[in-house]
Amino acid sequence: MSKLDEPRNSIFDAAETAGLMTLNPSDLVFEANQRGIAYYDFVLSSAKLPDGSFQLFLAKFDSKTNLEWLETATASEGIIKKNNLPDNDLAMMTLGILTWRQRLARSKILCLVNELGTESSVELEALKRAANKFKCMHHVLTIGMKRRNSSVNNNSSTIRRHSSSSQDGMRLRIMMCQTRAEIELPAQAVRETRYLLVPNSNPLLCLCFPLT
């Protein structure tokens, strides 16, 4: 993946757009048990831009849950329409995993979406296939306005809903960001996302992205 110029907006503006400011520090906990606490390695999110494009965000958190680096990529409206990709955050999560596959392999990922539609089974299955392919463990957290806190299970991925109020506890963590970069969207990631979200376009690809 080739890197472009470093973004010019502030880290807090970027974090706000990425949805990081809606989180509580406790949201970064992947699991807690008698052996200790395991945190997410990455937070993956997206934001729809006024021109119809989607900006993807990948945030890397260190072992102390401080933001280590933030990378972004843009899926233009033309790319989305040309490839018949669903116009929603959940579809962008599959594109994000395939875009950053090398970084995300064998990691724990928290995927942020504004909301889940009533018909999201195709997107959820595509996301699971992409995550399983690279041995990622992932959860999906909704951060839309006026959402009630609740939890449901779907395909072994926990989908948790959360309110969107900004949390001061995240500001200090975000201030620790050391590196920001914009990367180009890989053409291969776009193709594979299309095949997963529109299975009839290439049935053989499903063999490369098994559910188990």
C-alpha atoms as a PDB file:
ATOM      1  CA  MET A   1       0.000   0.000   0.000  1.00  0.00           C
ATOM      2  CA  SER A   2       1.439   3.346  -0.995  1.00  0.00           C
ATOM      3  CA  LYS A   3       1.139   6.282   1.392  1.00  0.00           C
ATOM      4  CA  LEU A   4       0.043   9.762   0.403  1.00  0.00           C
ATOM      5  CA  ASP A   5       0.643  13.049   2.227  1.00  0.00           C
ATOM      6  CA  GLU A   6      -0.100  13.261   5.936  1.00  0.00           C
ATOM      7  CA  PRO A   7      -3.629  14.591   6.564  1.00  0.00           C
ATOM      8  CA  ARG A   8      -3.866  18.274   7.458  1.00  0.00           C
ATOM      9  CA  ASN A   9      -6.833  18.246   9.839  1.00  0.00           C
ATOM     10  CA  SER A  10      -6.166  17.937  13.570  1.00  0.00           C
ATOM     11  CA  ILE A  11      -5.969  14.564  15.265  1.00  0.00           C
ATOM     12  CA  PHE A  12      -9.061  15.427  17.297  1.00  0.00           C
ATOM     13  CA  ASP A  13     -11.027  16.316  14.163  1.00  0.00           C
ATOM     14  CA  ALA A  14      -9.950  13.035  12.596  1.00  0.00           C
ATOM     15  CA  ALA A  15     -10.795  11.094  15.760  1.00  0.00           C
ATOM     16  CA  GLU A  16     -14.216  12.736  15.910  1.00  0.00           C
ATOM     17  CA  THR A  17     -14.948  11.823  12.293  1.00  0.00           C
ATOM     18  CA  ALA A  18     -13.702   8.281  12.874  1.00  0.00           C
ATOM     19  CA  GLY A  19     -16.024   7.840  15.853  1.00  0.00           C
ATOM     20  CA  LEU A  20     -13.219   7.395  18.372  1.00  0.00           C
ATOM     21  CA  MET A  21     -14.512  10.227  20.545  1.00  0.00           C
ATOM     22  CA  THR A  22     -17.775   8.352  21.110  1.00  0.00           C
ATOM     23  CA  LEU A  23     -15.966   5.546  22.919  1.00  0.00           C
ATOM     24  CA  ASN A  24     -15.375   4.963  26.593  1.00  0.00           C
ATOM     25  CA  PRO A  25     -11.950   3.567  27.499  1.00  0.00           C
ATOM     26  CA  SER A  26     -13.799   0.444  28.649  1.00  0.00           C
ATOM     27  CA  ASP A  27     -14.986  -0.098  25.067  1.00  0.00           C
ATOM     28  CA  LEU A  28     -11.388  -0.955  24.184  1.00  0.00           C
ATOM     29  CA  VAL A  29     -11.552  -4.072  26.383  1.00  0.00           C
ATOM     30  CA  PHE A  30     -11.822  -7.183  24.221  1.00  0.00           C
ATOM     31  CA  GLU A  31     -12.286  -9.543  27.149  1.00  0.00           C
ATOM     32  CA  ALA A  32     -11.582  -9.718  30.864  1.00  0.00           C
ATOM     33  CA  ASN A  33     -11.147 -12.872  32.916  1.00  0.00           C
ATOM     34  CA  GLN A  34      -9.110 -14.305  35.777  1.00  0.00           C
ATOM     35  CA  ARG A  35      -5.976 -14.207  33.646  1.00  0.00           C
ATOM     36  CA  GLY A  36      -6.291 -10.477  33.067  1.00  0.00           C
ATOM     37  CA  ILE A  37      -7.601  -8.004  30.508  1.00  0.00           C
ATOM     38  CA  ALA A  38      -7.149  -8.265  26.750  1.00  0.00           C
ATOM     39  CA  TYR A  39      -7.620  -5.111  24.676  1.00  0.00           C
ATOM     40  CA  TYR A  40      -8.462  -4.574  21.036  1.00  0.00           C
ATOM     41  CA  ASP A  41      -5.416  -4.032  18.847  1.00  0.00           C
ATOM     42  CA  PHE A  42      -7.272  -1.914  16.296  1.00  0.00           C
ATOM     43  CA  VAL A  43     -10.420   0.142  15.836  1.00  0.00           C
ATOM     44  CA  LEU A  44     -11.773   0.147  12.274  1.00  0.00           C
ATOM     45  CA  SER A  45     -14.404   2.673  11.214  1.00  0.00           C
ATOM     46  CA  SER A  46     -15.740   4.713   8.318  1.00  0.00           C
ATOM     47  CA  ALA A  47     -17.508   7.999   7.659  1.00  0.00           C
ATOM     48  CA  LYS A  48     -19.605   9.045   4.683  1.00  0.00           C
ATOM     49  CA  LEU A  49     -18.421  12.289   3.115  1.00  0.00           C
ATOM     50  CA  PRO A  50     -20.645  14.988   1.562  1.00  0.00           C
ATOM     51  CA  ASP A  51     -19.639  13.921  -1.964  1.00  0.00           C
ATOM     52  CA  GLY A  52     -20.887  10.360  -1.409  1.00  0.00           C
ATOM     53  CA  SER A  53     -17.457   8.863  -0.793  1.00  0.00           C
ATOM     54  CA  PHE A  54     -16.520   6.915   2.320  1.00  0.00           C
ATOM     55  CA  GLN A  55     -13.407   7.585   4.355  1.00  0.00           C
ATOM     56  CA  LEU A  56     -12.012   4.518   6.108  1.00  0.00           C
ATOM     57  CA  PHE A  57     -10.068   4.781   9.365  1.00  0.00           C
ATOM     58  CA  LEU A  58      -7.733   2.290  11.011  1.00  0.00           C
ATOM     59  CA  ALA A  59      -6.593   3.239  14.519  1.00  0.00           C
ATOM     60  CA  LYS A  60      -3.824   1.254  16.227  1.00  0.00           C
ATOM     61  CA  PHE A  61      -3.839   1.234  20.029  1.00  0.00           C
ATOM     62  CA  ASP A  62      -0.851   0.173  22.118  1.00  0.00           C
ATOM     63  CA  SER A  63      -0.839  -2.096  25.169  1.00  0.00           C
ATOM     64  CA  LYS A  64      -1.805   0.868  27.383  1.00  0.00           C
ATOM     65  CA  THR A  65      -4.767   1.716  25.099  1.00  0.00           C
ATOM     66  CA  ASN A  66      -3.126   4.900  23.834  1.00  0.00           C
ATOM     67  CA  LEU A  67      -3.588   5.741  20.166  1.00  0.00           C
ATOM     68  CA  GLU A  68      -0.330   4.795  18.462  1.00  0.00           C
ATOM     69  CA  TRP A  69      -1.127   5.675  14.845  1.00  0.00           C
ATOM     70  CA  LEU A  70      -4.042   6.424  12.541  1.00  0.00           C
ATOM     71  CA  GLU A  71      -4.315   5.638   8.841  1.00  0.00           C
ATOM     72  CA  THR A  72      -7.082   6.577   6.430  1.00  0.00           C
ATOM     73  CA  ALA A  73      -8.162   5.570   2.941  1.00  0.00           C
ATOM     74  CA  THR A  74     -10.940   6.905   0.723  1.00  0.00           C
ATOM     75  CA  ALA A  75     -13.449   4.890  -1.303  1.00  0.00           C
ATOM     76  CA  SER A  76     -14.827   7.319  -3.860  1.00  0.00           C
ATOM     77  CA  GLU A  77     -18.487   7.359  -4.815  1.00  0.00           C
ATOM     78  CA  GLY A  78     -17.446   6.239  -8.294  1.00  0.00           C
ATOM     79  CA  ILE A  79     -15.684   3.145  -6.946  1.00  0.00           C
ATOM     80  CA  ILE A  80     -18.652   2.282  -4.741  1.00  0.00           C
ATOM     81  CA  LYS A  81     -21.179   2.582  -7.575  1.00  0.00           C
ATOM     82  CA  LYS A  82     -19.000   0.899 -10.196  1.00  0.00           C
ATOM     83  CA  ASN A  83     -18.587  -2.152  -7.962  1.00  0.00           C
ATOM     84  CA  ASN A  84     -22.194  -2.180  -6.688  1.00  0.00           C
ATOM     85  CA  LEU A  85     -21.021  -1.984  -3.083  1.00  0.00           C
ATOM     86  CA  PRO A  86     -23.711  -1.393  -0.440  1.00  0.00           C
ATOM     87  CA  ASP A  87     -23.809   2.222   0.668  1.00  0.00           C
ATOM     88  CA  ASN A  88     -23.326   1.614   4.394  1.00  0.00           C
ATOM     89  CA  ASP A  89     -20.713   1.448   7.148  1.00  0.00           C
ATOM     90  CA  LEU A  90     -20.974  -2.312   7.606  1.00  0.00           C
ATOM     91  CA  ALA A  91     -19.959  -2.975   4.004  1.00  0.00           C
ATOM     92  CA  MET A  92     -17.020  -0.609   4.494  1.00  0.00           C
ATOM     93  CA  MET A  93     -15.779  -2.781   7.373  1.00  0.00           C
ATOM     94  CA  THR A  94     -15.193  -5.648   4.946  1.00  0.00           C
ATOM     95  CA  LEU A  95     -13.385  -3.263   2.605  1.00  0.00           C
ATOM     96  CA  GLY A  96     -11.303  -2.030   5.541  1.00  0.00           C
ATOM     97  CA  ILE A  97     -10.183  -5.505   6.592  1.00  0.00           C
ATOM     98  CA  LEU A  98      -9.199  -6.338   3.023  1.00  0.00           C
ATOM     99  CA  THR A  99      -7.421  -2.988   2.627  1.00  0.00           C
ATOM    100  CA  TRP A 100      -5.299  -3.418   5.760  1.00  0.00           C
ATOM    101  CA  ARG A 101      -5.086  -7.227   5.672  1.00  0.00           C
ATOM    102  CA  GLN A 102      -1.372  -7.362   6.416  1.00  0.00           C
ATOM    103  CA  ARG A 103      -1.654  -5.136   9.471  1.00  0.00           C
ATOM    104  CA  LEU A 104      -4.826  -6.788  10.759  1.00  0.00           C
ATOM    105  CA  ALA A 105      -3.893 -10.455  10.389  1.00  0.00           C
ATOM    106  CA  ARG A 106      -4.293 -12.369  13.685  1.00  0.00           C
ATOM    107  CA  SER A 107      -5.422  -9.266  15.572  1.00  0.00           C
ATOM    108  CA  LYS A 108      -8.393  -8.180  17.674  1.00  0.00           C
ATOM    109  CA  ILE A 109     -10.525  -5.563  15.905  1.00  0.00           C
ATOM    110  CA  LEU A 110     -13.370  -3.339  17.068  1.00  0.00           C
ATOM    111  CA  CYS A 111     -15.486  -2.255  14.078  1.00  0.00           C
ATOM    112  CA  LEU A 112     -17.516   0.933  14.529  1.00  0.00           C
ATOM    113  CA  VAL A 113     -20.691   1.540  12.512  1.00  0.00           C
ATOM    114  CA  ASN A 114     -23.378   4.189  12.844  1.00  0.00           C
ATOM    115  CA  GLU A 115     -26.201   1.685  12.702  1.00  0.00           C
ATOM    116  CA  LEU A 116     -27.204  -1.767  11.547  1.00  0.00           C
ATOM    117  CA  GLY A 117     -29.929  -2.012   8.944  1.00  0.00           C
ATOM    118  CA  THR A 118     -32.761  -4.499   9.240  1.00  0.00           C
ATOM    119  CA  GLU A 119     -31.308  -6.415   6.275  1.00  0.00           C
ATOM    120  CA  SER A 120     -27.619  -6.740   7.091  1.00  0.00           C
ATOM    121  CA  SER A 121     -27.057 -10.504   6.901  1.00  0.00           C
ATOM    122  CA  VAL A 122     -25.068 -10.308   3.646  1.00  0.00           C
ATOM    123  CA  GLU A 123     -22.752  -7.625   5.030  1.00  0.00           C
ATOM    124  CA  LEU A 124     -22.286  -9.501   8.315  1.00  0.00           C
ATOM    125  CA  GLU A 125     -21.408 -12.726   6.514  1.00  0.00           C
ATOM    126  CA  ALA A 126     -18.977 -10.908   4.217  1.00  0.00           C
ATOM    127  CA  LEU A 127     -17.301  -9.290   7.218  1.00  0.00           C
ATOM    128  CA  LYS A 128     -16.992 -12.623   8.974  1.00  0.00           C
ATOM    129  CA  ARG A 129     -15.504 -14.291   5.901  1.00  0.00           C
ATOM    130  CA  ALA A 130     -12.909 -11.547   5.527  1.00  0.00           C
ATOM    131  CA  ALA A 131     -12.033 -11.650   9.239  1.00  0.00           C
ATOM    132  CA  ASN A 132     -11.773 -15.446   9.287  1.00  0.00           C
ATOM    133  CA  LYS A 133      -9.564 -15.448   6.204  1.00  0.00           C
ATOM    134  CA  PHE A 134      -6.916 -13.451   8.074  1.00  0.00           C
ATOM    135  CA  LYS A 135      -7.596 -15.048  11.478  1.00  0.00           C
ATOM    136  CA  CYS A 136      -8.952 -11.830  12.999  1.00  0.00           C
ATOM    137  CA  MET A 137     -11.249 -11.681  16.010  1.00  0.00           C
ATOM    138  CA  HIS A 138     -13.761  -8.875  15.611  1.00  0.00           C
ATOM    139  CA  HIS A 139     -16.759  -7.246  17.233  1.00  0.00           C
ATOM    140  CA  VAL A 140     -19.118  -4.670  15.751  1.00  0.00           C
ATOM    141  CA  LEU A 141     -20.184  -1.703  17.871  1.00  0.00           C
ATOM    142  CA  THR A 142     -22.924   0.699  16.793  1.00  0.00           C
ATOM    143  CA  ILE A 143     -22.304   4.312  17.773  1.00  0.00           C
ATOM    144  CA  GLY A 144     -25.324   6.039  16.219  1.00  0.00           C
ATOM    145  CA  MET A 145     -27.215   8.803  18.026  1.00  0.00           C
ATOM    146  CA  LYS A 146     -29.919   7.825  20.528  1.00  0.00           C
ATOM    147  CA  ARG A 147     -28.966   4.162  20.481  1.00  0.00           C
ATOM    148  CA  ARG A 148     -29.779   2.104  23.549  1.00  0.00           C
ATOM    149  CA  ASN A 149     -27.107  -0.106  25.063  1.00  0.00           C
ATOM    150  CA  SER A 150     -27.802  -3.710  24.189  1.00  0.00           C
ATOM    151  CA  SER A 151     -26.025  -6.811  22.983  1.00  0.00           C
ATOM    152  CA  VAL A 152     -26.878  -9.502  20.460  1.00  0.00           C
ATOM    153  CA  ASN A 153     -24.879 -12.346  18.963  1.00  0.00           C
ATOM    154  CA  ASN A 154     -24.619 -12.985  15.236  1.00  0.00           C
ATOM    155  CA  ASN A 155     -22.244 -15.468  13.596  1.00  0.00           C
ATOM    156  CA  SER A 156     -19.990 -15.497  16.682  1.00  0.00           C
ATOM    157  CA  SER A 157     -19.475 -11.721  16.431  1.00  0.00           C
ATOM    158  CA  THR A 158     -20.855  -9.606  19.254  1.00  0.00           C
ATOM    159  CA  ILE A 159     -22.830  -6.598  18.044  1.00  0.00           C
ATOM    160  CA  ARG A 160     -23.060  -4.016  20.807  1.00  0.00           C
ATOM    161  CA  ARG A 161     -24.976  -0.762  20.687  1.00  0.00           C
ATOM    162  CA  HIS A 162     -23.705   2.341  22.411  1.00  0.00           C
ATOM    163  CA  SER A 163     -24.652   5.998  22.790  1.00  0.00           C
ATOM    164  CA  SER A 164     -22.662   8.592  20.852  1.00  0.00           C
ATOM    165  CA  SER A 165     -21.756  11.031  23.645  1.00  0.00           C
ATOM    166  CA  SER A 166     -18.098  12.080  23.555  1.00  0.00           C
ATOM    167  CA  GLN A 167     -15.926  10.715  26.341  1.00  0.00           C
ATOM    168  CA  ASP A 168     -13.206  12.836  27.887  1.00  0.00           C
ATOM    169  CA  GLY A 169     -11.345   9.666  28.842  1.00  0.00           C
ATOM    170  CA  MET A 170     -10.423   9.144  25.202  1.00  0.00           C
ATOM    171  CA  ARG A 171      -8.892  12.574  24.640  1.00  0.00           C
ATOM    172  CA  LEU A 172      -5.636  11.865  26.462  1.00  0.00           C
ATOM    173  CA  ARG A 173      -5.295   8.558  24.649  1.00  0.00           C
ATOM    174  CA  ILE A 174      -5.844  10.222  21.278  1.00  0.00           C
ATOM    175  CA  MET A 175      -3.285  12.929  22.082  1.00  0.00           C
ATOM    176  CA  MET A 176      -0.627  10.200  22.203  1.00  0.00           C
ATOM    177  CA  CYS A 177      -0.966   9.525  18.460  1.00  0.00           C
ATOM    178  CA  GLN A 178       2.519   9.450  16.927  1.00  0.00           C
ATOM    179  CA  THR A 179       1.836   8.923  13.225  1.00  0.00           C
ATOM    180  CA  ARG A 180      -0.927   9.685  10.741  1.00  0.00           C
ATOM    181  CA  ALA A 181      -1.059   8.772   7.072  1.00  0.00           C
ATOM    182  CA  GLU A 182      -3.408   8.542   4.103  1.00  0.00           C
ATOM    183  CA  ILE A 183      -3.043   5.420   1.958  1.00  0.00           C
ATOM    184  CA  GLU A 184      -4.327   4.533  -1.480  1.00  0.00           C
ATOM    185  CA  LEU A 185      -7.214   2.079  -1.659  1.00  0.00           C
ATOM    186  CA  PRO A 186      -5.867  -1.201  -3.125  1.00  0.00           C
ATOM    187  CA  ALA A 187      -7.702  -2.355  -6.248  1.00  0.00           C
ATOM    188  CA  GLN A 188      -7.495  -5.965  -5.041  1.00  0.00           C
ATOM    189  CA  ALA A 189      -9.323  -5.061  -1.831  1.00  0.00           C
ATOM    190  CA  VAL A 190     -12.129  -3.443  -3.832  1.00  0.00           C
ATOM    191  CA  ARG A 191     -12.479  -6.486  -6.107  1.00  0.00           C
ATOM    192  CA  GLU A 192     -12.583  -8.954  -3.230  1.00  0.00           C
ATOM    193  CA  THR A 193     -15.067  -6.799  -1.320  1.00  0.00           C
ATOM    194  CA  ARG A 194     -17.353  -6.824  -4.361  1.00  0.00           C
ATOM    195  CA  TYR A 195     -17.088 -10.599  -4.656  1.00  0.00           C
ATOM    196  CA  LEU A 196     -17.947 -11.075  -0.972  1.00  0.00           C
ATOM    197  CA  LEU A 197     -20.841  -8.602  -0.925  1.00  0.00           C
ATOM    198  CA  VAL A 198     -22.198  -9.656  -4.326  1.00  0.00           C
ATOM    199  CA  PRO A 199     -21.483 -13.427  -4.176  1.00  0.00           C
ATOM    200  CA  ASN A 200     -23.010 -14.196  -7.587  1.00  0.00           C
ATOM    201  CA  SER A 201     -20.347 -12.024  -9.215  1.00  0.00           C
ATOM    202  CA  ASN A 202     -17.718 -14.688  -8.487  1.00  0.00           C
ATOM    203  CA  PRO A 203     -19.015 -17.833  -6.690  1.00  0.00           C
ATOM    204  CA  LEU A 204     -15.557 -19.450  -6.680  1.00  0.00           C
ATOM    205  CA  LEU A 205     -14.196 -16.704  -4.425  1.00  0.00           C
ATOM    206  CA  CYS A 206     -16.314 -18.016  -1.544  1.00  0.00           C
ATOM    207  CA  LEU A 207     -13.975 -21.012  -1.463  1.00  0.00           C
ATOM    208  CA  CYS A 208     -11.124 -18.601  -0.670  1.00  0.00           C
ATOM    209  CA  PHE A 209     -13.082 -16.980   2.181  1.00  0.00           C
ATOM    210  CA  PRO A 210     -14.605 -19.906   4.140  1.00  0.00           C
ATOM    211  CA  LEU A 211     -16.963 -19.288   7.039  1.00  0.00           C
ATOM    212  CA  THR A 212     -15.169 -21.794   9.274  1.00  0.00           C
END
